Protein backbone atom coordinates (compact mmCIF):
# COMPACT_ATOMS: atom_id res chain seq x y z
CA MET A 1 0.37 1.76 -136.41
CA ASN A 2 -0.91 -1.31 -134.36
CA VAL A 3 2.53 -3.15 -132.90
CA ALA A 4 1.70 -6.83 -131.89
CA LYS A 5 4.36 -7.08 -129.81
CA VAL A 6 6.99 -4.81 -128.40
CA LEU A 7 10.50 -6.38 -127.79
CA ASP A 8 12.97 -4.34 -125.50
CA CYS A 9 16.61 -5.20 -126.07
CA LYS A 10 17.76 -2.30 -124.83
CA GLY A 11 21.35 -2.92 -123.26
CA MET A 12 21.87 -6.17 -125.51
CA CYS A 13 24.70 -6.82 -127.94
CA CYS A 14 24.50 -8.53 -131.05
CA PRO A 15 23.27 -11.19 -131.59
CA GLU A 16 20.96 -10.92 -129.01
CA PRO A 17 18.16 -8.39 -130.32
CA ILE A 18 17.98 -10.62 -133.62
CA LEU A 19 17.57 -13.74 -131.81
CA ASP A 20 14.56 -12.23 -129.74
CA ILE A 21 12.67 -10.71 -133.09
CA LYS A 22 13.46 -14.29 -134.79
CA ASN A 23 11.68 -15.81 -131.65
CA ALA A 24 8.68 -13.00 -131.92
CA MET A 25 8.08 -13.67 -134.95
CA GLY A 26 7.31 -17.33 -134.55
CA THR A 27 4.75 -16.28 -132.49
CA LEU A 28 2.98 -14.11 -134.42
CA LYS A 29 0.72 -14.62 -137.64
CA SER A 30 1.03 -12.64 -141.10
CA GLY A 31 1.18 -8.67 -141.00
CA ASP A 32 1.51 -8.02 -137.75
CA VAL A 33 4.12 -5.67 -136.62
CA VAL A 34 6.83 -5.84 -134.05
CA GLU A 35 8.54 -2.83 -132.29
CA LEU A 36 12.01 -3.75 -131.55
CA GLN A 37 14.19 -1.19 -129.00
CA ALA A 38 18.17 -1.34 -129.33
CA THR A 39 20.54 0.19 -128.03
CA ASP A 40 23.61 -1.45 -130.06
CA ALA A 41 24.38 0.72 -132.74
CA GLY A 42 25.62 -2.23 -134.68
CA SER A 43 21.58 -3.23 -134.65
CA VAL A 44 21.15 -0.93 -137.57
CA ASN A 45 23.06 -3.39 -140.15
CA ASP A 46 21.78 -6.36 -138.29
CA MET A 47 18.58 -5.52 -138.94
CA ALA A 48 18.58 -4.38 -142.81
CA SER A 49 20.66 -7.69 -143.15
CA TRP A 50 17.84 -10.28 -141.65
CA SER A 51 15.07 -8.45 -143.02
CA LYS A 52 16.72 -8.84 -146.22
CA ARG A 53 17.51 -12.48 -145.40
CA THR A 54 13.80 -13.61 -144.11
CA GLY A 55 11.77 -11.08 -146.21
CA ASN A 56 9.82 -9.67 -143.01
CA LYS A 57 9.44 -6.12 -143.87
CA ILE A 58 11.14 -2.52 -141.81
CA LEU A 59 7.93 -0.98 -142.11
CA GLU A 60 9.82 2.46 -140.24
CA GLN A 61 13.33 2.81 -138.68
CA LYS A 62 14.31 5.73 -136.81
CA GLN A 63 17.13 6.59 -133.76
CA ASP A 64 15.68 8.28 -130.32
CA GLY A 65 18.43 9.49 -128.41
CA SER A 66 20.45 6.74 -127.89
CA VAL A 67 17.65 4.00 -128.74
CA TYR A 68 17.27 2.29 -132.22
CA VAL A 69 13.58 1.38 -132.91
CA PHE A 70 12.53 -0.63 -135.60
CA TYR A 71 8.81 -1.82 -136.98
CA VAL A 72 8.75 -4.72 -138.84
CA GLN A 73 6.38 -6.42 -140.05
CA LYS A 74 6.05 -9.89 -140.57
CA LYS A 75 5.97 -11.44 -144.11
């Protein structure tokens, strides 16, 4: 997967990861992929809700130890 931007949101709590990805999406073009790394377990539900609300697609979601990793494609 070709990732245009990586967001390290480890240690941040809601709503910071969502604000970071929202800002990142504003700098990218349609089809670009962002990798977001977070340690807040709430980010799983937050990202799902944000994706549904904005239309940006979560291509892949995984957990690596205590880190949740999301690959999101800009609509």
